[in-house]
Amino acid sequence: MANTEQSKKRARQSEARYAVNKSRRSRIRTFLRKVEEAIASGNGEAAAAALKAAQPELARGVTKGVLHKNTVARKMSRLSSRVKAVVKA
């Protein structure tokens, strides 16, 4: 349990950041799910549009410190190659 004023404040700040980050992570996962669903349906145009909408959200996750830079780069790369395959087919 926090005893000093500063440690109490840090605990409050930590809870607030946790809520913001949780919301941000959830939003990113929703965008990723939309891309996955579009790929699964085989609709190339919808998949490309969903990926285009998801990319800024992923990048924002990096700048806000929610996700690691390389994790996002890997996800974008793999998703874009899968979308490209669906569009080609």
Protein backbone atom coordinates (compact mmCIF):
# COMPACT_ATOMS: atom_id res chain seq x y z
CA MET A 1 0.00 0.00 0.00
CA ALA A 2 1.22 3.48 -0.85
CA ASN A 3 2.26 5.48 2.20
CA THR A 4 3.70 8.79 1.03
CA GLU A 5 1.81 11.44 -0.89
CA GLN A 6 4.09 10.95 -3.88
CA SER A 7 3.57 7.19 -3.96
CA LYS A 8 -0.20 7.70 -3.71
CA LYS A 9 -0.06 10.13 -6.62
CA ARG A 10 2.05 7.70 -8.68
CA ALA A 11 -0.49 4.96 -7.97
CA ARG A 12 -3.30 7.21 -9.23
CA GLN A 13 -1.31 8.14 -12.33
CA SER A 14 -0.51 4.49 -12.98
CA GLU A 15 -4.20 3.56 -12.86
CA ALA A 16 -5.08 6.37 -15.24
CA ARG A 17 -2.35 5.38 -17.74
CA TYR A 18 -3.42 1.74 -17.48
CA ALA A 19 -6.99 2.67 -18.45
CA VAL A 20 -5.84 4.79 -21.41
CA ASN A 21 -3.42 2.14 -22.65
CA LYS A 22 -6.02 -0.61 -22.27
CA SER A 23 -8.48 1.40 -24.35
CA ARG A 24 -5.84 2.09 -26.99
CA ARG A 25 -4.83 -1.59 -27.19
CA SER A 26 -8.46 -2.61 -27.54
CA ARG A 27 -8.98 -0.12 -30.37
CA ILE A 28 -5.91 -1.42 -32.20
CA ARG A 29 -7.09 -5.03 -31.81
CA THR A 30 -10.48 -4.05 -33.26
CA PHE A 31 -8.82 -2.60 -36.36
CA LEU A 32 -6.68 -5.74 -36.72
CA ARG A 33 -9.76 -7.95 -36.36
CA LYS A 34 -11.49 -6.04 -39.17
CA VAL A 35 -8.50 -6.67 -41.45
CA GLU A 36 -8.47 -10.37 -40.52
CA GLU A 37 -12.19 -10.69 -41.23
CA ALA A 38 -11.84 -8.97 -44.60
CA ILE A 39 -8.98 -11.31 -45.53
CA ALA A 40 -10.99 -14.34 -44.43
CA SER A 41 -13.98 -13.25 -46.51
CA GLY A 42 -11.75 -13.04 -49.59
CA ASN A 43 -12.82 -9.48 -50.39
CA GLY A 44 -9.64 -7.80 -51.62
CA GLU A 45 -10.97 -4.25 -51.73
CA ALA A 46 -12.41 -4.45 -48.21
CA ALA A 47 -9.18 -5.99 -46.94
CA ALA A 48 -7.08 -3.22 -48.53
CA ALA A 49 -9.37 -0.54 -47.07
CA ALA A 50 -9.29 -2.13 -43.62
CA LEU A 51 -5.49 -2.35 -43.72
CA LYS A 52 -5.24 1.28 -44.78
CA ALA A 53 -7.40 2.24 -41.79
CA ALA A 54 -5.43 0.01 -39.39
CA GLN A 55 -1.95 1.26 -40.29
CA PRO A 56 -2.24 4.71 -38.65
CA GLU A 57 -3.71 3.12 -35.51
CA LEU A 58 -0.78 0.72 -35.27
CA ALA A 59 1.70 3.56 -35.80
CA ARG A 60 -0.06 5.59 -33.11
CA GLY A 61 0.29 2.66 -30.75
CA VAL A 62 4.06 2.86 -31.22
CA THR A 63 4.28 6.61 -30.64
CA LYS A 64 2.12 6.33 -27.51
CA GLY A 65 4.28 3.53 -26.13
CA VAL A 66 1.58 0.86 -26.13
CA LEU A 67 3.30 -1.41 -28.66
CA HIS A 68 6.91 -1.97 -29.62
CA LYS A 69 8.13 -0.58 -32.92
CA ASN A 70 9.32 -3.92 -34.29
CA THR A 71 6.10 -5.68 -33.29
CA VAL A 72 4.07 -3.20 -35.30
CA ALA A 73 6.46 -3.38 -38.25
CA ARG A 74 6.14 -7.17 -38.26
CA LYS A 75 2.33 -7.05 -38.04
CA MET A 76 2.05 -4.48 -40.84
CA SER A 77 4.39 -6.45 -43.06
CA ARG A 78 2.59 -9.75 -42.58
CA LEU A 79 -0.86 -8.22 -42.97
CA SER A 80 0.08 -6.30 -46.10
CA SER A 81 1.52 -9.41 -47.75
CA ARG A 82 -1.67 -11.34 -46.92
CA VAL A 83 -3.86 -8.52 -48.24
CA LYS A 84 -1.76 -8.37 -51.39
CA ALA A 85 -2.32 -12.11 -51.93
CA VAL A 86 -6.09 -11.71 -51.50
CA VAL A 87 -6.21 -8.76 -53.91
CA LYS A 88 -4.19 -10.71 -56.49
CA ALA A 89 -6.42 -13.80 -56.25
